[in-house]
């Protein structure tokens, strides 16, 4: 028993680094597109009504430039897909915004839920800064605008019902034609 305790104590010794190869392998796995947002899979599962395997496949797809389509708003790209049964009828997708992009004032025609996956933006309505891991919910009829911070691009996971009426662009509605599973 004493021998086992000594071995456990040695493994738990502070400052002991794992072997370099193991560390490199761990870091490489975490940076793979399918696992990059794994810490947010619980929130993403609730947002899109999907399991971990579907989410991992989504991020593999998102790593491909051809999966994205430009939005009418400069600096914004979209990746649409069909979520699970609880979000049927919603426009589900990823929204990529360049650093410093301002998403103009818009009115929500239905409920929108946006989960920040990376980067940050500041909401002009309440002044709050939303960062990775934050869920921003807007009710039908609410209005706001926001600006992505200058320190990097932002990636949002969005589930939107009914579309938005965007100042200077008109009504942008869900796009089932661009959706894929």
N, C-alpha and C. Protein backbone atom coordinates (compact mmCIF):
# COMPACT_ATOMS: atom_id res chain seq x y z
N UNK A 1 0.83 -1.19 0.00
CA UNK A 1 0.00 0.00 0.00
C UNK A 1 0.87 1.25 0.00
N UNK A 2 1.96 1.23 0.79
CA UNK A 2 2.84 2.40 0.86
C UNK A 2 3.44 2.71 -0.51
N UNK A 3 3.81 1.67 -1.25
CA UNK A 3 4.40 1.85 -2.57
C UNK A 3 3.41 2.55 -3.51
N UNK A 4 2.15 2.14 -3.49
CA UNK A 4 1.12 2.74 -4.33
C UNK A 4 0.93 4.22 -3.99
N UNK A 5 0.91 4.55 -2.70
CA UNK A 5 0.75 5.94 -2.28
C UNK A 5 1.93 6.81 -2.74
N UNK A 6 3.13 6.26 -2.69
CA UNK A 6 4.31 6.99 -3.14
C UNK A 6 4.23 7.27 -4.65
N UNK A 7 3.77 6.27 -5.42
CA UNK A 7 3.64 6.46 -6.86
C UNK A 7 2.58 7.50 -7.19
N UNK A 8 1.46 7.45 -6.47
CA UNK A 8 0.40 8.44 -6.69
C UNK A 8 0.89 9.85 -6.34
N UNK A 9 1.62 9.96 -5.28
CA UNK A 9 2.16 11.26 -4.87
C UNK A 9 3.11 11.80 -5.92
N UNK A 10 3.91 10.93 -6.50
CA UNK A 10 4.85 11.36 -7.54
C UNK A 10 4.10 11.86 -8.78
N UNK A 11 3.01 11.16 -9.15
CA UNK A 11 2.22 11.58 -10.31
C UNK A 11 1.56 12.94 -10.08
N UNK A 12 1.17 13.20 -8.85
CA UNK A 12 0.48 14.45 -8.52
C UNK A 12 1.43 15.57 -8.14
N UNK A 13 2.72 15.33 -8.24
CA UNK A 13 3.70 16.35 -7.85
C UNK A 13 3.51 17.61 -8.68
N UNK A 14 3.46 18.79 -8.01
CA UNK A 14 3.27 20.03 -8.74
C UNK A 14 4.44 20.31 -9.68
N UNK A 15 4.10 20.87 -10.84
CA UNK A 15 5.12 21.26 -11.79
C UNK A 15 5.62 20.13 -12.67
N UNK A 16 5.12 18.94 -12.48
CA UNK A 16 5.57 17.82 -13.32
C UNK A 16 4.80 17.86 -14.64
N UNK A 17 5.52 18.09 -15.71
CA UNK A 17 4.93 18.19 -17.04
C UNK A 17 4.71 16.80 -17.62
N UNK A 18 3.64 16.63 -18.39
CA UNK A 18 3.47 15.34 -19.08
C UNK A 18 4.54 15.21 -20.15
N UNK A 19 4.80 14.02 -20.58
CA UNK A 19 5.79 13.85 -21.66
C UNK A 19 5.41 14.73 -22.85
N UNK A 20 6.40 15.31 -23.50
CA UNK A 20 6.17 16.27 -24.59
C UNK A 20 5.28 15.70 -25.69
N UNK A 21 5.47 14.46 -26.06
CA UNK A 21 4.68 13.86 -27.12
C UNK A 21 3.21 13.79 -26.73
N UNK A 22 2.93 13.39 -25.49
CA UNK A 22 1.55 13.34 -25.01
C UNK A 22 0.93 14.73 -25.01
N UNK A 23 1.68 15.72 -24.57
CA UNK A 23 1.19 17.11 -24.55
C UNK A 23 0.87 17.59 -25.96
N UNK A 24 1.76 17.32 -26.91
CA UNK A 24 1.54 17.73 -28.30
C UNK A 24 0.30 17.05 -28.88
N UNK A 25 0.11 15.77 -28.58
CA UNK A 25 -1.04 15.03 -29.08
C UNK A 25 -2.33 15.61 -28.51
N UNK A 26 -2.34 15.91 -27.22
CA UNK A 26 -3.51 16.50 -26.58
C UNK A 26 -3.86 17.85 -27.19
N UNK A 27 -2.86 18.70 -27.36
CA UNK A 27 -3.10 20.02 -27.97
C UNK A 27 -3.57 19.90 -29.40
N UNK A 28 -3.02 18.98 -30.16
CA UNK A 28 -3.44 18.78 -31.56
C UNK A 28 -4.91 18.34 -31.62
N UNK A 29 -5.32 17.45 -30.71
CA UNK A 29 -6.72 17.00 -30.70
C UNK A 29 -7.68 18.12 -30.35
N UNK A 30 -7.32 18.94 -29.40
CA UNK A 30 -8.19 20.03 -28.98
C UNK A 30 -8.34 21.08 -30.09
N UNK A 31 -7.30 21.27 -30.90
CA UNK A 31 -7.36 22.27 -31.96
C UNK A 31 -8.03 21.76 -33.24
N UNK A 32 -8.31 20.47 -33.32
CA UNK A 32 -9.02 19.96 -34.50
C UNK A 32 -10.38 20.64 -34.57
N UNK A 33 -10.83 20.96 -35.78
CA UNK A 33 -12.10 21.68 -35.92
C UNK A 33 -13.26 21.02 -35.18
N UNK A 34 -13.34 19.71 -35.20
CA UNK A 34 -14.50 19.05 -34.62
C UNK A 34 -14.55 19.15 -33.09
N UNK A 35 -13.41 19.41 -32.45
CA UNK A 35 -13.39 19.49 -30.99
C UNK A 35 -13.10 20.89 -30.46
N UNK A 36 -12.87 21.82 -31.35
CA UNK A 36 -12.46 23.16 -30.92
C UNK A 36 -13.45 23.81 -29.95
N UNK A 37 -14.73 23.60 -30.17
CA UNK A 37 -15.75 24.22 -29.32
C UNK A 37 -16.40 23.21 -28.38
N UNK A 38 -15.75 22.08 -28.15
CA UNK A 38 -16.29 21.03 -27.28
C UNK A 38 -16.71 21.54 -25.91
N UNK A 39 -16.00 22.49 -25.29
CA UNK A 39 -16.47 22.98 -23.99
C UNK A 39 -17.87 23.63 -24.04
N UNK A 40 -18.30 24.02 -25.23
CA UNK A 40 -19.62 24.66 -25.38
C UNK A 40 -20.67 23.71 -25.95
N UNK A 41 -20.34 22.43 -26.10
CA UNK A 41 -21.27 21.49 -26.71
C UNK A 41 -22.58 21.37 -25.92
N UNK A 42 -22.54 21.49 -24.61
CA UNK A 42 -23.79 21.43 -23.83
C UNK A 42 -24.74 22.55 -24.22
N UNK A 43 -24.22 23.78 -24.30
CA UNK A 43 -25.05 24.93 -24.69
C UNK A 43 -25.48 24.81 -26.15
N UNK A 44 -24.57 24.35 -27.00
CA UNK A 44 -24.90 24.18 -28.42
C UNK A 44 -25.97 23.11 -28.62
N UNK A 45 -25.91 22.04 -27.83
CA UNK A 45 -26.92 20.98 -27.92
C UNK A 45 -28.30 21.53 -27.60
N UNK A 46 -28.38 22.37 -26.58
CA UNK A 46 -29.67 22.98 -26.22
C UNK A 46 -30.13 23.97 -27.29
N UNK A 47 -29.19 24.69 -27.88
CA UNK A 47 -29.53 25.69 -28.89
C UNK A 47 -30.05 25.05 -30.18
N UNK A 48 -29.38 23.99 -30.65
CA UNK A 48 -29.71 23.40 -31.94
C UNK A 48 -30.43 22.05 -31.86
N UNK A 49 -30.62 21.52 -30.64
CA UNK A 49 -31.26 20.22 -30.45
C UNK A 49 -30.48 19.13 -31.19
N UNK A 50 -29.17 19.14 -31.02
CA UNK A 50 -28.26 18.18 -31.64
C UNK A 50 -27.40 17.53 -30.58
N UNK A 51 -26.86 16.36 -30.92
CA UNK A 51 -25.91 15.68 -30.06
C UNK A 51 -24.48 16.05 -30.42
N UNK A 52 -23.54 15.52 -29.64
CA UNK A 52 -22.13 15.83 -29.82
C UNK A 52 -21.59 15.45 -31.20
N UNK A 53 -22.02 14.30 -31.73
CA UNK A 53 -21.52 13.87 -33.04
C UNK A 53 -21.96 14.82 -34.15
N UNK A 54 -23.20 15.28 -34.09
CA UNK A 54 -23.69 16.23 -35.10
C UNK A 54 -22.96 17.57 -34.97
N UNK A 55 -22.70 17.98 -33.75
CA UNK A 55 -21.97 19.24 -33.55
C UNK A 55 -20.53 19.12 -34.05
N UNK A 56 -19.88 18.00 -33.77
CA UNK A 56 -18.51 17.80 -34.24
C UNK A 56 -18.47 17.84 -35.76
N UNK A 57 -19.45 17.21 -36.42
CA UNK A 57 -19.51 17.22 -37.89
C UNK A 57 -19.75 18.64 -38.41
N UNK A 58 -20.55 19.42 -37.71
CA UNK A 58 -20.80 20.81 -38.09
C UNK A 58 -19.49 21.60 -38.12
N UNK A 59 -18.67 21.44 -37.11
CA UNK A 59 -17.43 22.22 -37.05
C UNK A 59 -16.39 21.72 -38.05
N UNK A 60 -16.47 20.45 -38.43
CA UNK A 60 -15.64 19.96 -39.55
C UNK A 60 -16.07 20.67 -40.83
N UNK A 61 -17.37 20.76 -41.04
CA UNK A 61 -17.90 21.45 -42.22
C UNK A 61 -17.54 22.93 -42.20
N UNK A 62 -17.64 23.56 -41.04
CA UNK A 62 -17.36 24.99 -40.91
C UNK A 62 -15.90 25.32 -41.19
N UNK A 63 -15.02 24.33 -41.09
CA UNK A 63 -13.60 24.55 -41.37
C UNK A 63 -13.32 24.66 -42.87
N UNK A 64 -14.32 24.36 -43.69
CA UNK A 64 -14.18 24.42 -45.14
C UNK A 64 -14.71 25.76 -45.65
N UNK A 65 -13.87 26.51 -46.36
CA UNK A 65 -14.23 27.84 -46.84
C UNK A 65 -15.49 27.81 -47.70
N UNK A 66 -15.67 26.77 -48.50
CA UNK A 66 -16.82 26.73 -49.41
C UNK A 66 -18.16 26.50 -48.70
N UNK A 67 -18.13 26.16 -47.43
CA UNK A 67 -19.37 25.96 -46.67
C UNK A 67 -20.05 27.29 -46.33
N UNK A 68 -19.31 28.38 -46.39
CA UNK A 68 -19.81 29.69 -45.98
C UNK A 68 -20.35 30.48 -47.16
N UNK A 69 -21.39 31.27 -46.91
CA UNK A 69 -21.92 32.17 -47.93
C UNK A 69 -21.90 33.59 -47.40
N UNK A 70 -21.67 34.56 -48.29
CA UNK A 70 -21.65 35.95 -47.83
C UNK A 70 -23.07 36.42 -47.49
N UNK A 71 -23.18 37.23 -46.47
CA UNK A 71 -24.46 37.86 -46.12
C UNK A 71 -24.51 39.20 -46.86
N UNK A 72 -25.68 39.80 -46.97
CA UNK A 72 -25.75 41.11 -47.62
C UNK A 72 -25.02 42.21 -46.86
N UNK A 73 -24.74 41.97 -45.59
CA UNK A 73 -24.06 42.96 -44.75
C UNK A 73 -22.55 42.72 -44.85
N UNK A 74 -21.78 43.73 -45.22
CA UNK A 74 -20.32 43.56 -45.36
C UNK A 74 -19.68 43.06 -44.07
N UNK A 75 -18.73 42.13 -44.23
CA UNK A 75 -18.01 41.59 -43.08
C UNK A 75 -18.71 40.43 -42.39
N UNK A 76 -19.85 39.97 -42.97
CA UNK A 76 -20.64 38.91 -42.35
C UNK A 76 -20.74 37.72 -43.30
N UNK A 77 -20.48 36.50 -42.77
CA UNK A 77 -20.64 35.26 -43.53
C UNK A 77 -21.56 34.33 -42.75
N UNK A 78 -22.29 33.49 -43.50
CA UNK A 78 -23.29 32.61 -42.90
C UNK A 78 -23.08 31.16 -43.30
N UNK A 79 -23.42 30.27 -42.38
CA UNK A 79 -23.45 28.84 -42.65
C UNK A 79 -24.77 28.32 -42.07
N UNK A 80 -25.72 28.04 -42.93
CA UNK A 80 -27.07 27.60 -42.51
C UNK A 80 -27.12 26.08 -42.39
N UNK A 81 -27.99 25.58 -41.52
CA UNK A 81 -28.24 24.16 -41.41
C UNK A 81 -29.57 23.94 -40.70
N UNK A 82 -30.08 22.71 -40.82
CA UNK A 82 -31.33 22.33 -40.18
C UNK A 82 -31.00 21.73 -38.82
N UNK A 83 -31.59 22.29 -37.77
CA UNK A 83 -31.37 21.77 -36.43
C UNK A 83 -32.31 20.60 -36.14
N UNK A 84 -32.37 20.21 -34.89
CA UNK A 84 -33.23 19.11 -34.47
C UNK A 84 -34.69 19.51 -34.36
N UNK A 85 -35.56 18.57 -33.97
CA UNK A 85 -37.01 18.80 -33.94
C UNK A 85 -37.46 20.00 -33.09
N UNK A 86 -36.80 20.27 -31.96
CA UNK A 86 -37.23 21.38 -31.11
C UNK A 86 -37.02 22.74 -31.76
N UNK A 87 -36.15 22.83 -32.77
CA UNK A 87 -35.90 24.11 -33.44
C UNK A 87 -36.34 24.07 -34.90
N UNK A 88 -37.25 23.15 -35.21
CA UNK A 88 -37.79 23.07 -36.57
C UNK A 88 -38.45 24.41 -36.91
N UNK A 89 -38.22 24.89 -38.09
CA UNK A 89 -38.80 26.16 -38.52
C UNK A 89 -37.92 27.36 -38.22
N UNK A 90 -36.89 27.17 -37.42
CA UNK A 90 -35.96 28.27 -37.12
C UNK A 90 -34.84 28.27 -38.15
N UNK A 91 -34.25 29.43 -38.35
CA UNK A 91 -33.06 29.55 -39.18
C UNK A 91 -31.89 29.31 -38.23
N UNK A 92 -31.24 28.18 -38.39
CA UNK A 92 -30.12 27.81 -37.53
C UNK A 92 -28.83 27.94 -38.31
N UNK A 93 -27.81 28.45 -37.66
CA UNK A 93 -26.55 28.55 -38.36
C UNK A 93 -25.45 29.17 -37.55
N UNK A 94 -24.31 29.27 -38.22
CA UNK A 94 -23.16 29.96 -37.66
C UNK A 94 -23.03 31.28 -38.40
N UNK A 95 -22.65 32.30 -37.67
CA UNK A 95 -22.46 33.64 -38.26
C UNK A 95 -21.04 34.06 -37.91
N UNK A 96 -20.27 34.34 -38.95
CA UNK A 96 -18.88 34.78 -38.77
C UNK A 96 -18.82 36.26 -39.14
N UNK A 97 -18.29 37.07 -38.22
CA UNK A 97 -18.20 38.52 -38.42
C UNK A 97 -16.75 38.97 -38.28
N UNK A 98 -16.30 39.77 -39.23
CA UNK A 98 -14.94 40.29 -39.19
C UNK A 98 -14.79 41.26 -38.02
N UNK A 99 -13.57 41.39 -37.53
CA UNK A 99 -13.28 42.35 -36.45
C UNK A 99 -13.76 43.74 -36.85
N UNK A 100 -14.40 44.43 -35.93
CA UNK A 100 -14.86 45.79 -36.16
C UNK A 100 -16.16 45.91 -36.93
N UNK A 101 -16.73 44.79 -37.38
CA UNK A 101 -17.99 44.83 -38.14
C UNK A 101 -19.13 45.33 -37.27
N UNK A 102 -19.92 46.23 -37.84
CA UNK A 102 -21.13 46.70 -37.16
C UNK A 102 -22.33 46.05 -37.83
N UNK A 103 -23.10 45.31 -37.05
CA UNK A 103 -24.36 44.76 -37.55
C UNK A 103 -25.40 45.83 -37.27
N UNK A 104 -26.01 46.38 -38.35
CA UNK A 104 -26.90 47.54 -38.19
C UNK A 104 -28.11 47.28 -37.30
N UNK A 105 -28.77 48.36 -36.93
CA UNK A 105 -30.00 48.26 -36.13
C UNK A 105 -30.98 47.34 -36.85
N UNK A 106 -31.59 46.47 -36.08
CA UNK A 106 -32.56 45.54 -36.65
C UNK A 106 -33.61 45.16 -35.62
N UNK A 107 -34.79 44.82 -36.14
CA UNK A 107 -35.92 44.42 -35.30
C UNK A 107 -36.14 42.93 -35.51
N UNK A 108 -36.28 42.21 -34.42
CA UNK A 108 -36.49 40.76 -34.47
C UNK A 108 -37.95 40.45 -34.73
N UNK A 109 -38.19 39.65 -35.78
CA UNK A 109 -39.55 39.27 -36.16
C UNK A 109 -40.00 38.03 -35.41
N UNK A 110 -39.10 37.47 -34.64
CA UNK A 110 -39.34 36.30 -33.80
C UNK A 110 -38.19 36.22 -32.81
N UNK A 111 -38.22 35.20 -31.99
CA UNK A 111 -37.17 35.04 -30.98
C UNK A 111 -35.84 34.66 -31.63
N UNK A 112 -34.76 35.25 -31.11
CA UNK A 112 -33.42 34.88 -31.55
C UNK A 112 -32.57 34.56 -30.34
N UNK A 113 -31.78 33.49 -30.47
CA UNK A 113 -30.81 33.12 -29.44
C UNK A 113 -29.46 33.01 -30.12
N UNK A 114 -28.48 33.74 -29.60
CA UNK A 114 -27.13 33.74 -30.18
C UNK A 114 -26.13 33.39 -29.09
N UNK A 115 -25.33 32.36 -29.35
CA UNK A 115 -24.28 31.92 -28.44
C UNK A 115 -22.94 32.34 -29.04
N UNK A 116 -22.16 33.11 -28.31
CA UNK A 116 -20.86 33.54 -28.79
C UNK A 116 -19.88 32.37 -28.62
N UNK A 117 -19.27 31.96 -29.74
CA UNK A 117 -18.31 30.87 -29.71
C UNK A 117 -16.88 31.38 -29.62
N UNK A 118 -16.63 32.51 -30.29
CA UNK A 118 -15.31 33.13 -30.17
C UNK A 118 -15.45 34.61 -30.50
N UNK A 119 -14.48 35.38 -30.00
CA UNK A 119 -14.52 36.83 -30.19
C UNK A 119 -15.49 37.47 -29.21
N UNK A 120 -15.85 38.71 -29.52
CA UNK A 120 -16.75 39.46 -28.65
C UNK A 120 -17.44 40.56 -29.45
N UNK A 121 -18.59 41.00 -28.94
CA UNK A 121 -19.27 42.16 -29.52
C UNK A 121 -19.93 42.95 -28.41
N UNK A 122 -20.19 44.22 -28.72
CA UNK A 122 -20.86 45.10 -27.77
C UNK A 122 -22.23 45.46 -28.33
N UNK A 123 -23.26 45.20 -27.53
CA UNK A 123 -24.63 45.54 -27.91
C UNK A 123 -24.84 47.04 -27.69
N UNK A 124 -25.32 47.73 -28.71
CA UNK A 124 -25.51 49.18 -28.60
C UNK A 124 -26.74 49.55 -27.78
N UNK A 125 -27.66 48.63 -27.62
CA UNK A 125 -28.89 48.92 -26.86
C UNK A 125 -28.61 49.01 -25.36
N UNK A 126 -27.91 48.00 -24.83
CA UNK A 126 -27.68 47.98 -23.37
C UNK A 126 -26.21 48.19 -22.99
N UNK A 127 -25.32 48.28 -24.00
CA UNK A 127 -23.90 48.50 -23.73
C UNK A 127 -23.13 47.29 -23.25
N UNK A 128 -23.81 46.16 -23.12
CA UNK A 128 -23.15 44.96 -22.61
C UNK A 128 -22.21 44.36 -23.65
N UNK A 129 -21.10 43.85 -23.17
CA UNK A 129 -20.13 43.16 -24.02
C UNK A 129 -20.37 41.66 -23.87
N UNK A 130 -20.61 40.99 -24.99
CA UNK A 130 -20.85 39.55 -25.01
C UNK A 130 -19.58 38.87 -25.49
N UNK A 131 -19.14 37.86 -24.74
CA UNK A 131 -17.89 37.15 -25.03
C UNK A 131 -18.17 35.65 -25.17
N UNK A 132 -17.15 34.90 -25.57
CA UNK A 132 -17.29 33.46 -25.76
C UNK A 132 -17.96 32.80 -24.56
N UNK A 133 -19.00 32.02 -24.86
CA UNK A 133 -19.77 31.33 -23.82
C UNK A 133 -21.05 32.05 -23.43
N UNK A 134 -21.17 33.34 -23.80
CA UNK A 134 -22.38 34.10 -23.45
C UNK A 134 -23.52 33.79 -24.42
N UNK A 135 -24.72 33.65 -23.89
CA UNK A 135 -25.92 33.47 -24.69
C UNK A 135 -26.72 34.77 -24.64
N UNK A 136 -27.03 35.31 -25.81
CA UNK A 136 -27.78 36.56 -25.92
C UNK A 136 -29.13 36.21 -26.53
N UNK A 137 -30.20 36.48 -25.78
CA UNK A 137 -31.55 36.18 -26.27
C UNK A 137 -32.30 37.47 -26.53
N UNK A 138 -32.93 37.54 -27.71
CA UNK A 138 -33.74 38.69 -28.08
C UNK A 138 -35.16 38.21 -28.38
N UNK A 139 -36.11 38.90 -27.82
CA UNK A 139 -37.51 38.52 -28.00
C UNK A 139 -38.09 39.13 -29.27
N UNK A 140 -39.17 38.55 -29.74
CA UNK A 140 -39.88 39.10 -30.90
C UNK A 140 -40.21 40.57 -30.65
N UNK A 141 -39.93 41.42 -31.63
CA UNK A 141 -40.21 42.85 -31.53
C UNK A 141 -39.06 43.67 -30.94
N UNK A 142 -38.07 43.01 -30.35
CA UNK A 142 -36.95 43.76 -29.78
C UNK A 142 -36.05 44.30 -30.90
N UNK A 143 -35.36 45.39 -30.61
CA UNK A 143 -34.46 46.00 -31.59
C UNK A 143 -33.11 46.26 -30.93
N UNK A 144 -32.07 46.19 -31.75
CA UNK A 144 -30.73 46.53 -31.27
C UNK A 144 -29.77 46.52 -32.46
N UNK A 145 -28.55 46.95 -32.22
CA UNK A 145 -27.43 46.86 -33.16
C UNK A 145 -26.24 46.44 -32.31
N UNK A 146 -25.22 45.94 -32.96
CA UNK A 146 -24.03 45.57 -32.21
C UNK A 146 -22.79 45.69 -33.08
N UNK A 147 -21.64 45.80 -32.42
CA UNK A 147 -20.36 45.94 -33.11
C UNK A 147 -19.37 44.93 -32.55
N UNK A 148 -18.73 44.19 -33.46
CA UNK A 148 -17.69 43.23 -33.07
C UNK A 148 -16.48 44.02 -32.61
N UNK A 149 -15.86 43.58 -31.54
CA UNK A 149 -14.68 44.28 -31.03
C UNK A 149 -13.55 44.22 -32.06
N UNK A 150 -12.63 45.15 -31.98
CA UNK A 150 -11.53 45.24 -32.94
C UNK A 150 -10.42 44.22 -32.70
N UNK A 151 -10.46 43.51 -31.57
CA UNK A 151 -9.36 42.60 -31.26
C UNK A 151 -9.45 41.25 -31.96
N UNK A 152 -10.45 41.04 -32.79
CA UNK A 152 -10.54 39.79 -33.55
C UNK A 152 -11.92 39.54 -34.08
N UNK A 153 -12.06 38.57 -34.98
CA UNK A 153 -13.38 38.24 -35.52
C UNK A 153 -14.24 37.57 -34.46
N UNK A 154 -15.53 37.47 -34.76
CA UNK A 154 -16.47 36.80 -33.86
C UNK A 154 -17.15 35.67 -34.60
N UNK A 155 -17.46 34.62 -33.87
CA UNK A 155 -18.23 33.50 -34.40
C UNK A 155 -19.40 33.28 -33.46
N UNK A 156 -20.61 33.31 -34.04
CA UNK A 156 -21.83 33.15 -33.26
C UNK A 156 -22.59 31.92 -33.75
N UNK A 157 -23.20 31.20 -32.84
CA UNK A 157 -24.14 30.14 -33.17
C UNK A 157 -25.52 30.74 -32.94
N UNK A 158 -26.38 30.72 -33.97
CA UNK A 158 -27.63 31.46 -33.91
C UNK A 158 -28.82 30.57 -34.28
N UNK A 159 -29.90 30.72 -33.53
CA UNK A 159 -31.18 30.11 -33.87
C UNK A 159 -32.20 31.24 -33.87
N UNK A 160 -32.77 31.49 -35.05
CA UNK A 160 -33.63 32.65 -35.28
C UNK A 160 -34.97 32.22 -35.86
N UNK A 161 -36.03 32.70 -35.27
CA UNK A 161 -37.37 32.41 -35.77
C UNK A 161 -37.90 33.68 -36.45
N UNK A 162 -38.37 33.54 -37.68
CA UNK A 162 -39.06 34.64 -38.35
C UNK A 162 -38.21 35.67 -39.05
N UNK A 163 -36.94 35.70 -38.83
CA UNK A 163 -36.08 36.67 -39.50
C UNK A 163 -35.91 37.97 -38.74
N UNK A 164 -35.24 38.91 -39.40
CA UNK A 164 -35.00 40.24 -38.83
C UNK A 164 -35.22 41.30 -39.90
N UNK A 165 -35.67 42.46 -39.49
CA UNK A 165 -35.82 43.60 -40.38
C UNK A 165 -34.63 44.52 -40.11
N UNK A 166 -33.68 44.56 -41.05
CA UNK A 166 -32.41 45.25 -40.86
C UNK A 166 -32.42 46.61 -41.55
N UNK A 167 -32.09 47.64 -40.78
CA UNK A 167 -32.02 49.00 -41.31
C UNK A 167 -31.08 49.05 -42.52
N UNK A 168 -31.62 49.51 -43.64
CA UNK A 168 -30.82 49.63 -44.86
C UNK A 168 -30.73 48.37 -45.70
N UNK A 169 -31.26 47.25 -45.20
CA UNK A 169 -31.18 45.98 -45.94
C UNK A 169 -32.52 45.30 -46.10
N UNK A 170 -33.54 45.74 -45.39
CA UNK A 170 -34.86 45.11 -45.47
C UNK A 170 -34.95 43.88 -44.60
N UNK A 171 -35.91 43.03 -44.91
CA UNK A 171 -36.16 41.84 -44.11
C UNK A 171 -35.27 40.69 -44.57
N UNK A 172 -34.53 40.15 -43.63
CA UNK A 172 -33.73 38.96 -43.88
C UNK A 172 -34.44 37.80 -43.18
N UNK A 173 -34.91 36.84 -43.95
CA UNK A 173 -35.69 35.74 -43.42
C UNK A 173 -34.89 34.45 -43.39
N UNK A 174 -35.37 33.48 -42.62
CA UNK A 174 -34.69 32.17 -42.61
C UNK A 174 -34.53 31.64 -44.02
N UNK A 175 -33.44 30.94 -44.23
CA UNK A 175 -33.09 30.47 -45.56
C UNK A 175 -33.00 28.95 -45.60
N UNK A 176 -34.14 28.25 -45.64
CA UNK A 176 -34.09 26.79 -45.68
C UNK A 176 -33.39 26.26 -46.92
N UNK A 177 -33.36 27.03 -48.01
CA UNK A 177 -32.70 26.58 -49.24
C UNK A 177 -31.21 26.38 -49.00
N UNK A 178 -30.61 27.19 -48.13
CA UNK A 178 -29.18 27.06 -47.86
C UNK A 178 -28.88 26.11 -46.72
N UNK A 179 -29.92 25.57 -46.12
CA UNK A 179 -29.72 24.72 -44.94
C UNK A 179 -29.31 23.32 -45.35
N UNK A 180 -28.43 22.74 -44.56
CA UNK A 180 -28.02 21.36 -44.71
C UNK A 180 -28.00 20.74 -43.33
N UNK A 181 -28.08 19.46 -43.28
CA UNK A 181 -27.98 18.76 -41.99
C UNK A 181 -26.56 18.48 -41.67
